[in-house]
Amino acid sequence: MVNKDIEDMKSRAKEGDIAAQVELGISYLYGYGVDIDYVEAFIYLQDAAIKNDGEAQLHLGKMYENGWGVKEDLWTAYSLYRRSYKVHTEGSRKAISNVIDKLADAIPITGHLSIANDFTITACCERLREYIRMGKIIPFEDDDESNLYLSNTNRTILLKECPFCGECVEHTH
């Protein structure tokens, strides 16, 4: 990419061209034709992600997953990857799997089951943590607090206790 191309893309991006916003965001994120600049990458990718562009959501999620120019936040990455997956973006399913593994690995097994509004989770047993890893138990933010849901192909059920050991879900703040 030459500077003329960058300037042309910036002009189009400023006018709201989503493809230009995504291309510029990715260019700044990985240093394609420009110096790496996480602030510029974030601005362009966020503008396109807000407009439901899956590619922008995927790369913005990578920024949050890896702490590139933003505070590392695996739950935000997970949310962006899910949105990207919903619009059938290539690579989003693998990104979801990778970030869920990281999230599950970070959940301590304490013998007590709790979830905080920032999605900090403690697990009562290994089996519960593995169900989170497999995507069968999903943390989700409701209107007033975060909850855990058991998900299968037919329905999603709010968990009030661990389905394996019976430990009650405690909500912490």
N, C-alpha and C. Protein backbone atom coordinates (compact mmCIF):
# COMPACT_ATOMS: atom_id res chain seq x y z
N MET A 1 0.83 -1.17 0.00
CA MET A 1 0.00 0.00 0.00
C MET A 1 0.88 1.24 0.00
N VAL A 2 0.57 2.17 -0.80
CA VAL A 2 1.30 3.43 -0.82
C VAL A 2 0.50 4.48 -0.06
N ASN A 3 1.16 5.57 0.33
CA ASN A 3 0.49 6.60 1.12
C ASN A 3 -0.76 7.14 0.46
N LYS A 4 -0.76 7.21 -0.88
CA LYS A 4 -1.94 7.69 -1.60
C LYS A 4 -3.13 6.78 -1.31
N ASP A 5 -2.89 5.47 -1.28
CA ASP A 5 -3.97 4.52 -0.99
C ASP A 5 -4.49 4.71 0.44
N ILE A 6 -3.58 4.94 1.37
CA ILE A 6 -3.96 5.16 2.76
C ILE A 6 -4.81 6.43 2.87
N GLU A 7 -4.38 7.48 2.24
CA GLU A 7 -5.13 8.75 2.30
C GLU A 7 -6.51 8.60 1.66
N ASP A 8 -6.58 7.85 0.56
CA ASP A 8 -7.86 7.59 -0.08
C ASP A 8 -8.78 6.79 0.85
N MET A 9 -8.21 5.76 1.51
CA MET A 9 -9.02 4.97 2.45
C MET A 9 -9.48 5.81 3.63
N LYS A 10 -8.60 6.68 4.13
CA LYS A 10 -8.98 7.55 5.25
C LYS A 10 -10.15 8.44 4.86
N SER A 11 -10.09 8.97 3.65
CA SER A 11 -11.17 9.83 3.16
C SER A 11 -12.48 9.05 3.08
N ARG A 12 -12.41 7.85 2.53
CA ARG A 12 -13.62 7.01 2.42
C ARG A 12 -14.12 6.59 3.80
N ALA A 13 -13.19 6.26 4.70
CA ALA A 13 -13.58 5.85 6.05
C ALA A 13 -14.27 6.99 6.78
N LYS A 14 -13.76 8.19 6.61
CA LYS A 14 -14.36 9.37 7.25
C LYS A 14 -15.78 9.59 6.75
N GLU A 15 -16.04 9.21 5.50
CA GLU A 15 -17.38 9.33 4.92
C GLU A 15 -18.30 8.18 5.33
N GLY A 16 -17.77 7.24 6.11
CA GLY A 16 -18.59 6.13 6.61
C GLY A 16 -18.46 4.84 5.83
N ASP A 17 -17.51 4.73 4.93
CA ASP A 17 -17.30 3.51 4.15
C ASP A 17 -16.76 2.41 5.08
N ILE A 18 -17.61 1.44 5.36
CA ILE A 18 -17.26 0.37 6.32
C ILE A 18 -16.06 -0.43 5.83
N ALA A 19 -16.03 -0.77 4.55
CA ALA A 19 -14.90 -1.56 4.03
C ALA A 19 -13.58 -0.81 4.23
N ALA A 20 -13.58 0.49 4.03
CA ALA A 20 -12.37 1.29 4.23
C ALA A 20 -12.00 1.33 5.71
N GLN A 21 -13.01 1.44 6.58
CA GLN A 21 -12.74 1.44 8.02
C GLN A 21 -12.09 0.13 8.45
N VAL A 22 -12.61 -0.97 7.96
CA VAL A 22 -12.07 -2.29 8.32
C VAL A 22 -10.65 -2.44 7.78
N GLU A 23 -10.45 -2.09 6.52
CA GLU A 23 -9.13 -2.25 5.92
C GLU A 23 -8.09 -1.37 6.63
N LEU A 24 -8.46 -0.16 6.97
CA LEU A 24 -7.54 0.72 7.71
C LEU A 24 -7.27 0.16 9.11
N GLY A 25 -8.33 -0.29 9.77
CA GLY A 25 -8.16 -0.85 11.11
C GLY A 25 -7.21 -2.03 11.12
N ILE A 26 -7.38 -2.92 10.17
CA ILE A 26 -6.51 -4.10 10.07
C ILE A 26 -5.09 -3.68 9.70
N SER A 27 -4.97 -2.71 8.82
CA SER A 27 -3.64 -2.21 8.43
C SER A 27 -2.89 -1.67 9.64
N TYR A 28 -3.55 -0.84 10.43
CA TYR A 28 -2.90 -0.28 11.61
C TYR A 28 -2.67 -1.34 12.69
N LEU A 29 -3.55 -2.31 12.79
CA LEU A 29 -3.41 -3.35 13.81
C LEU A 29 -2.18 -4.21 13.56
N TYR A 30 -1.96 -4.59 12.31
CA TYR A 30 -0.87 -5.52 11.99
C TYR A 30 0.32 -4.88 11.27
N GLY A 31 0.22 -3.58 10.98
CA GLY A 31 1.32 -2.90 10.31
C GLY A 31 1.41 -3.18 8.82
N TYR A 32 0.27 -3.36 8.17
CA TYR A 32 0.26 -3.58 6.72
C TYR A 32 0.33 -2.23 5.99
N GLY A 33 1.50 -1.88 5.51
CA GLY A 33 1.67 -0.64 4.76
C GLY A 33 1.78 0.60 5.61
N VAL A 34 1.62 0.46 6.91
CA VAL A 34 1.74 1.58 7.85
C VAL A 34 2.41 1.06 9.12
N ASP A 35 2.84 1.96 9.97
CA ASP A 35 3.36 1.54 11.27
C ASP A 35 2.20 1.03 12.12
N ILE A 36 2.46 0.05 12.96
CA ILE A 36 1.43 -0.42 13.89
C ILE A 36 1.02 0.74 14.78
N ASP A 37 -0.28 0.96 14.87
CA ASP A 37 -0.83 2.02 15.71
C ASP A 37 -2.15 1.50 16.27
N TYR A 38 -2.11 1.04 17.52
CA TYR A 38 -3.30 0.43 18.12
C TYR A 38 -4.43 1.42 18.33
N VAL A 39 -4.11 2.68 18.57
CA VAL A 39 -5.16 3.67 18.76
C VAL A 39 -5.94 3.85 17.45
N GLU A 40 -5.22 4.02 16.34
CA GLU A 40 -5.89 4.15 15.04
C GLU A 40 -6.65 2.87 14.69
N ALA A 41 -6.03 1.72 14.95
CA ALA A 41 -6.69 0.44 14.66
C ALA A 41 -8.01 0.36 15.43
N PHE A 42 -7.96 0.70 16.72
CA PHE A 42 -9.16 0.64 17.55
C PHE A 42 -10.26 1.55 17.02
N ILE A 43 -9.90 2.77 16.69
CA ILE A 43 -10.90 3.74 16.22
C ILE A 43 -11.60 3.23 14.95
N TYR A 44 -10.82 2.80 13.97
CA TYR A 44 -11.42 2.35 12.72
C TYR A 44 -12.21 1.05 12.90
N LEU A 45 -11.65 0.11 13.65
CA LEU A 45 -12.35 -1.16 13.85
C LEU A 45 -13.62 -0.98 14.66
N GLN A 46 -13.56 -0.14 15.68
CA GLN A 46 -14.77 0.08 16.48
C GLN A 46 -15.86 0.74 15.66
N ASP A 47 -15.49 1.71 14.83
CA ASP A 47 -16.50 2.36 13.98
C ASP A 47 -17.22 1.33 13.10
N ALA A 48 -16.47 0.39 12.53
CA ALA A 48 -17.08 -0.63 11.67
C ALA A 48 -17.81 -1.70 12.50
N ALA A 49 -17.26 -2.05 13.66
CA ALA A 49 -17.89 -3.08 14.51
C ALA A 49 -19.26 -2.62 15.00
N ILE A 50 -19.37 -1.34 15.31
CA ILE A 50 -20.66 -0.79 15.75
C ILE A 50 -21.71 -0.96 14.66
N LYS A 51 -21.27 -0.94 13.41
CA LYS A 51 -22.18 -1.11 12.28
C LYS A 51 -22.36 -2.59 11.93
N ASN A 52 -21.97 -3.46 12.86
CA ASN A 52 -22.15 -4.92 12.76
C ASN A 52 -21.30 -5.57 11.68
N ASP A 53 -20.12 -5.03 11.42
CA ASP A 53 -19.21 -5.68 10.48
C ASP A 53 -18.45 -6.79 11.22
N GLY A 54 -18.63 -8.02 10.77
CA GLY A 54 -18.04 -9.18 11.43
C GLY A 54 -16.53 -9.20 11.43
N GLU A 55 -15.92 -8.76 10.34
CA GLU A 55 -14.45 -8.73 10.26
C GLU A 55 -13.90 -7.74 11.29
N ALA A 56 -14.54 -6.59 11.43
CA ALA A 56 -14.11 -5.60 12.42
C ALA A 56 -14.30 -6.14 13.83
N GLN A 57 -15.42 -6.81 14.08
CA GLN A 57 -15.66 -7.40 15.40
C GLN A 57 -14.60 -8.44 15.73
N LEU A 58 -14.24 -9.25 14.75
CA LEU A 58 -13.23 -10.29 14.96
C LEU A 58 -11.89 -9.67 15.35
N HIS A 59 -11.44 -8.68 14.62
CA HIS A 59 -10.12 -8.08 14.89
C HIS A 59 -10.14 -7.20 16.14
N LEU A 60 -11.25 -6.56 16.42
CA LEU A 60 -11.38 -5.82 17.67
C LEU A 60 -11.34 -6.80 18.85
N GLY A 61 -11.95 -7.95 18.67
CA GLY A 61 -11.89 -9.00 19.69
C GLY A 61 -10.46 -9.45 19.94
N LYS A 62 -9.67 -9.56 18.88
CA LYS A 62 -8.25 -9.94 19.03
C LYS A 62 -7.50 -8.90 19.85
N MET A 63 -7.86 -7.62 19.66
CA MET A 63 -7.21 -6.57 20.45
C MET A 63 -7.51 -6.78 21.93
N TYR A 64 -8.77 -7.06 22.26
CA TYR A 64 -9.14 -7.29 23.67
C TYR A 64 -8.56 -8.60 24.20
N GLU A 65 -8.55 -9.62 23.38
CA GLU A 65 -8.01 -10.90 23.84
C GLU A 65 -6.53 -10.80 24.19
N ASN A 66 -5.79 -10.04 23.40
CA ASN A 66 -4.34 -9.97 23.57
C ASN A 66 -3.84 -8.72 24.28
N GLY A 67 -4.75 -7.80 24.62
CA GLY A 67 -4.34 -6.57 25.27
C GLY A 67 -3.55 -5.65 24.36
N TRP A 68 -3.87 -5.64 23.09
CA TRP A 68 -3.18 -4.79 22.12
C TRP A 68 -3.81 -3.40 22.12
N GLY A 69 -3.21 -2.47 22.85
CA GLY A 69 -3.69 -1.10 22.88
C GLY A 69 -4.90 -0.88 23.77
N VAL A 70 -5.44 -1.92 24.34
CA VAL A 70 -6.56 -1.85 25.27
C VAL A 70 -6.26 -2.78 26.44
N LYS A 71 -6.99 -2.60 27.52
CA LYS A 71 -6.83 -3.52 28.65
C LYS A 71 -7.33 -4.90 28.23
N GLU A 72 -6.54 -5.93 28.48
CA GLU A 72 -6.97 -7.28 28.13
C GLU A 72 -8.31 -7.57 28.82
N ASP A 73 -9.26 -8.04 28.05
CA ASP A 73 -10.59 -8.34 28.57
C ASP A 73 -11.15 -9.51 27.75
N LEU A 74 -11.00 -10.71 28.29
CA LEU A 74 -11.41 -11.90 27.55
C LEU A 74 -12.92 -11.97 27.35
N TRP A 75 -13.69 -11.42 28.28
CA TRP A 75 -15.15 -11.47 28.12
C TRP A 75 -15.61 -10.53 27.00
N THR A 76 -14.97 -9.40 26.87
CA THR A 76 -15.30 -8.50 25.76
C THR A 76 -14.90 -9.15 24.44
N ALA A 77 -13.72 -9.79 24.42
CA ALA A 77 -13.28 -10.51 23.22
C ALA A 77 -14.30 -11.58 22.86
N TYR A 78 -14.73 -12.34 23.85
CA TYR A 78 -15.73 -13.41 23.64
C TYR A 78 -17.01 -12.83 23.03
N SER A 79 -17.48 -11.73 23.59
CA SER A 79 -18.71 -11.10 23.10
C SER A 79 -18.55 -10.64 21.64
N LEU A 80 -17.41 -10.04 21.33
CA LEU A 80 -17.17 -9.59 19.95
C LEU A 80 -17.06 -10.78 19.00
N TYR A 81 -16.39 -11.84 19.43
CA TYR A 81 -16.28 -13.03 18.59
C TYR A 81 -17.65 -13.66 18.32
N ARG A 82 -18.51 -13.68 19.34
CA ARG A 82 -19.87 -14.23 19.14
C ARG A 82 -20.65 -13.39 18.13
N ARG A 83 -20.52 -12.09 18.22
CA ARG A 83 -21.20 -11.22 17.25
C ARG A 83 -20.66 -11.46 15.85
N SER A 84 -19.36 -11.62 15.75
CA SER A 84 -18.72 -11.90 14.47
C SER A 84 -19.22 -13.23 13.90
N TYR A 85 -19.35 -14.22 14.77
CA TYR A 85 -19.82 -15.55 14.36
C TYR A 85 -21.26 -15.48 13.82
N LYS A 86 -22.08 -14.65 14.47
CA LYS A 86 -23.48 -14.54 14.06
C LYS A 86 -23.64 -14.02 12.63
N VAL A 87 -22.64 -13.28 12.15
CA VAL A 87 -22.71 -12.80 10.75
C VAL A 87 -21.78 -13.63 9.86
N HIS A 88 -21.42 -14.82 10.35
CA HIS A 88 -20.70 -15.83 9.56
C HIS A 88 -19.31 -15.40 9.10
N THR A 89 -18.56 -14.75 10.00
CA THR A 89 -17.21 -14.30 9.65
C THR A 89 -16.23 -15.46 9.77
N GLU A 90 -15.46 -15.66 8.73
CA GLU A 90 -14.46 -16.73 8.72
C GLU A 90 -13.45 -16.49 9.85
N GLY A 91 -13.17 -17.53 10.61
CA GLY A 91 -12.21 -17.45 11.71
C GLY A 91 -12.83 -17.17 13.06
N SER A 92 -14.09 -16.77 13.08
CA SER A 92 -14.71 -16.40 14.35
C SER A 92 -14.98 -17.60 15.25
N ARG A 93 -15.32 -18.72 14.66
CA ARG A 93 -15.59 -19.92 15.48
C ARG A 93 -14.32 -20.36 16.20
N LYS A 94 -13.19 -20.36 15.51
CA LYS A 94 -11.92 -20.74 16.13
C LYS A 94 -11.54 -19.73 17.21
N ALA A 95 -11.79 -18.45 16.95
CA ALA A 95 -11.50 -17.41 17.94
C ALA A 95 -12.32 -17.62 19.21
N ILE A 96 -13.60 -17.98 19.05
CA ILE A 96 -14.46 -18.26 20.20
C ILE A 96 -13.88 -19.42 21.00
N SER A 97 -13.52 -20.48 20.33
CA SER A 97 -12.97 -21.66 20.99
C SER A 97 -11.70 -21.32 21.77
N ASN A 98 -10.81 -20.55 21.14
CA ASN A 98 -9.56 -20.18 21.81
C ASN A 98 -9.79 -19.33 23.05
N VAL A 99 -10.69 -18.37 22.96
CA VAL A 99 -10.90 -17.48 24.11
C VAL A 99 -11.66 -18.22 25.21
N ILE A 100 -12.55 -19.13 24.86
CA ILE A 100 -13.24 -19.91 25.89
C ILE A 100 -12.25 -20.78 26.64
N ASP A 101 -11.28 -21.35 25.94
CA ASP A 101 -10.24 -22.13 26.64
C ASP A 101 -9.49 -21.25 27.63
N LYS A 102 -9.13 -20.05 27.22
CA LYS A 102 -8.43 -19.13 28.14
C LYS A 102 -9.30 -18.78 29.33
N LEU A 103 -10.57 -18.52 29.07
CA LEU A 103 -11.49 -18.17 30.15
C LEU A 103 -11.65 -19.33 31.13
N ALA A 104 -11.84 -20.52 30.60
CA ALA A 104 -12.03 -21.69 31.46
C ALA A 104 -10.76 -21.97 32.28
N ASP A 105 -9.61 -21.82 31.66
CA ASP A 105 -8.35 -22.04 32.38
C ASP A 105 -8.19 -21.08 33.55
N ALA A 106 -8.77 -19.90 33.45
CA ALA A 106 -8.64 -18.88 34.49
C ALA A 106 -9.63 -19.06 35.64
N ILE A 107 -10.58 -19.97 35.50
CA ILE A 107 -11.60 -20.16 36.55
C ILE A 107 -11.03 -21.08 37.62
N PRO A 108 -10.87 -20.56 38.84
CA PRO A 108 -10.36 -21.43 39.91
C PRO A 108 -11.45 -22.36 40.43
N ILE A 109 -11.06 -23.55 40.82
CA ILE A 109 -11.99 -24.49 41.44
C ILE A 109 -11.82 -24.35 42.95
N THR A 110 -12.85 -23.78 43.59
CA THR A 110 -12.75 -23.44 45.01
C THR A 110 -13.69 -24.27 45.88
N GLY A 111 -14.58 -25.04 45.25
CA GLY A 111 -15.60 -25.74 46.02
C GLY A 111 -16.87 -24.92 46.16
N HIS A 112 -16.82 -23.65 45.74
CA HIS A 112 -17.99 -22.76 45.77
C HIS A 112 -18.22 -22.23 44.36
N LEU A 113 -19.49 -22.04 44.03
CA LEU A 113 -19.86 -21.55 42.70
C LEU A 113 -20.31 -20.10 42.83
N SER A 114 -19.58 -19.20 42.18
CA SER A 114 -19.97 -17.79 42.22
C SER A 114 -19.70 -17.14 40.88
N ILE A 115 -20.46 -16.07 40.63
CA ILE A 115 -20.26 -15.25 39.44
C ILE A 115 -20.48 -13.80 39.84
N ALA A 116 -19.57 -12.93 39.39
CA ALA A 116 -19.69 -11.50 39.66
C ALA A 116 -20.14 -10.79 38.39
N ASN A 117 -20.57 -9.55 38.54
CA ASN A 117 -21.04 -8.78 37.38
C ASN A 117 -19.96 -8.58 36.33
N ASP A 118 -18.68 -8.65 36.73
CA ASP A 118 -17.60 -8.53 35.76
C ASP A 118 -17.22 -9.90 35.19
N PHE A 119 -18.05 -10.90 35.42
CA PHE A 119 -17.89 -12.28 34.94
C PHE A 119 -16.74 -13.02 35.63
N THR A 120 -16.28 -12.55 36.77
CA THR A 120 -15.33 -13.33 37.55
C THR A 120 -16.10 -14.52 38.11
N ILE A 121 -15.59 -15.71 37.80
CA ILE A 121 -16.29 -16.94 38.17
C ILE A 121 -15.38 -17.79 39.03
N THR A 122 -15.95 -18.42 40.05
CA THR A 122 -15.26 -19.50 40.74
C THR A 122 -16.12 -20.75 40.54
N ALA A 123 -15.48 -21.87 40.35
CA ALA A 123 -16.20 -23.11 40.07
C ALA A 123 -16.19 -24.00 41.31
N CYS A 124 -17.27 -24.71 41.48
CA CYS A 124 -17.38 -25.63 42.60
C CYS A 124 -16.74 -26.98 42.27
N CYS A 125 -16.67 -27.30 40.99
CA CYS A 125 -16.11 -28.60 40.60
C CYS A 125 -15.52 -28.52 39.19
N GLU A 126 -14.65 -29.45 38.88
CA GLU A 126 -13.98 -29.49 37.57
C GLU A 126 -14.99 -29.68 36.44
N ARG A 127 -16.01 -30.45 36.69
CA ARG A 127 -16.99 -30.73 35.63
C ARG A 127 -17.70 -29.46 35.17
N LEU A 128 -18.03 -28.58 36.11
CA LEU A 128 -18.67 -27.32 35.75
C LEU A 128 -17.73 -26.49 34.88
N ARG A 129 -16.46 -26.42 35.27
CA ARG A 129 -15.49 -25.65 34.48
C ARG A 129 -15.37 -26.23 33.07
N GLU A 130 -15.39 -27.55 32.94
CA GLU A 130 -15.29 -28.17 31.61
C GLU A 130 -16.54 -27.91 30.78
N TYR A 131 -17.71 -27.82 31.41
CA TYR A 131 -18.92 -27.48 30.66
C TYR A 131 -18.87 -26.04 30.15
N ILE A 132 -18.23 -25.14 30.91
CA ILE A 132 -18.02 -23.78 30.41
C ILE A 132 -17.09 -23.83 29.21
N ARG A 133 -16.01 -24.63 29.33
CA ARG A 133 -15.05 -24.76 28.22
C ARG A 133 -15.74 -25.28 26.95
N MET A 134 -16.67 -26.20 27.10
CA MET A 134 -17.37 -26.79 25.95
C MET A 134 -18.50 -25.91 25.43
N GLY A 135 -18.79 -24.81 26.14
CA GLY A 135 -19.87 -23.93 25.73
C GLY A 135 -21.24 -24.44 26.11
N LYS A 136 -21.30 -25.42 27.00
CA LYS A 136 -22.60 -25.96 27.44
C LYS A 136 -23.15 -25.17 28.62
N ILE A 137 -22.28 -24.50 29.36
CA ILE A 137 -22.69 -23.55 30.39
C ILE A 137 -22.13 -22.21 29.95
N ILE A 138 -23.02 -21.22 29.85
CA ILE A 138 -22.67 -19.92 29.29
C ILE A 138 -22.92 -18.82 30.31
N PRO A 139 -21.89 -18.03 30.61
CA PRO A 139 -22.13 -16.83 31.42
C PRO A 139 -22.81 -15.79 30.54
N PHE A 140 -23.78 -15.10 31.09
CA PHE A 140 -24.52 -14.12 30.31
C PHE A 140 -24.94 -12.98 31.22
N GLU A 141 -24.88 -11.76 30.72
CA GLU A 141 -25.28 -10.60 31.50
C GLU A 141 -26.75 -10.30 31.27
N ASP A 142 -27.53 -10.42 32.34
CA ASP A 142 -28.95 -10.06 32.29
C ASP A 142 -29.08 -8.58 32.64
N ASP A 143 -30.30 -8.11 32.78
CA ASP A 143 -30.52 -6.69 33.06
C ASP A 143 -29.85 -6.22 34.35
N ASP A 144 -29.91 -7.04 35.40
CA ASP A 144 -29.44 -6.57 36.69
C ASP A 144 -28.20 -7.29 37.22
N GLU A 145 -27.85 -8.44 36.65
CA GLU A 145 -26.67 -9.16 37.13
C GLU A 145 -26.24 -10.21 36.11
N SER A 146 -25.04 -10.75 36.32
CA SER A 146 -24.55 -11.82 35.46
C SER A 146 -25.05 -13.15 35.99
N ASN A 147 -25.34 -14.07 35.08
CA ASN A 147 -25.84 -15.38 35.45
C ASN A 147 -25.17 -16.45 34.61
N LEU A 148 -25.35 -17.68 35.03
CA LEU A 148 -24.88 -18.84 34.28
C LEU A 148 -26.10 -19.56 33.72
N TYR A 149 -25.98 -20.00 32.48
CA TYR A 149 -27.06 -20.70 31.82
C TYR A 149 -26.56 -22.02 31.27
N LEU A 150 -27.37 -23.06 31.43
CA LEU A 150 -27.10 -24.35 30.80
C LEU A 150 -27.76 -24.29 29.44
N SER A 151 -26.99 -24.57 28.40
CA SER A 151 -27.48 -24.42 27.04
C SER A 151 -27.43 -25.76 26.32
N ASN A 152 -28.53 -26.10 25.66
CA ASN A 152 -28.53 -27.24 24.75
C ASN A 152 -29.28 -26.84 23.49
N THR A 153 -29.47 -27.76 22.60
CA THR A 153 -30.06 -27.41 21.30
C THR A 153 -31.51 -26.95 21.42
N ASN A 154 -32.22 -27.36 22.46
CA ASN A 154 -33.64 -27.05 22.57
C ASN A 154 -33.95 -25.80 23.37
N ARG A 155 -33.13 -25.52 24.41
CA ARG A 155 -33.46 -24.39 25.27
C ARG A 155 -32.25 -24.00 26.12
N THR A 156 -32.39 -22.86 26.77
CA THR A 156 -31.37 -22.37 27.68
C THR A 156 -32.01 -22.21 29.05
N ILE A 157 -31.36 -22.76 30.09
CA ILE A 157 -31.93 -22.79 31.43
C ILE A 157 -31.04 -22.00 32.39
N LEU A 158 -31.64 -21.08 33.13
CA LEU A 158 -30.93 -20.34 34.16
C LEU A 158 -30.51 -21.30 35.27
N LEU A 159 -29.22 -21.27 35.62
CA LEU A 159 -28.73 -22.15 36.69
C LEU A 159 -28.84 -21.44 38.04
N LYS A 160 -29.46 -22.11 38.97
CA LYS A 160 -29.51 -21.62 40.35
C LYS A 160 -28.56 -22.43 41.22
N GLU A 161 -28.15 -23.59 40.67
CA GLU A 161 -27.19 -24.45 41.36
C GLU A 161 -26.42 -25.26 40.33
N CYS A 162 -25.29 -25.80 40.76
CA CYS A 162 -24.48 -26.62 39.87
C CYS A 162 -25.24 -27.89 39.52
N PRO A 163 -25.34 -28.24 38.25
CA PRO A 163 -26.06 -29.46 37.87
C PRO A 163 -25.30 -30.73 38.24
N PHE A 164 -24.07 -30.60 38.70
CA PHE A 164 -23.25 -31.78 39.00
C PHE A 164 -23.11 -32.05 40.50
N CYS A 165 -22.90 -30.99 41.29
CA CYS A 165 -22.68 -31.22 42.72
C CYS A 165 -23.71 -30.53 43.61
N GLY A 166 -24.60 -29.70 43.00
CA GLY A 166 -25.67 -29.07 43.75
C GLY A 166 -25.31 -27.78 44.45
N GLU A 167 -24.07 -27.32 44.33
CA GLU A 167 -23.64 -26.07 44.96
C GLU A 167 -24.47 -24.91 44.41
N CYS A 168 -25.05 -24.09 45.30
CA CYS A 168 -25.86 -22.93 44.88
C CYS A 168 -24.99 -21.86 44.25
N VAL A 169 -25.54 -21.19 43.23
CA VAL A 169 -24.86 -20.08 42.59
C VAL A 169 -24.94 -18.86 43.50
N GLU A 170 -23.80 -18.29 43.80
CA GLU A 170 -23.73 -17.07 44.59
C GLU A 170 -23.36 -15.92 43.67
N HIS A 171 -24.10 -14.83 43.78
CA HIS A 171 -23.80 -13.64 42.98
C HIS A 171 -22.98 -12.69 43.85
N THR A 172 -21.80 -12.34 43.37
CA THR A 172 -20.93 -11.41 44.10
C THR A 172 -20.82 -10.12 43.31
N HIS A 173 -20.42 -9.09 43.97
CA HIS A 173 -20.32 -7.78 43.28
C HIS A 173 -18.97 -7.18 43.42
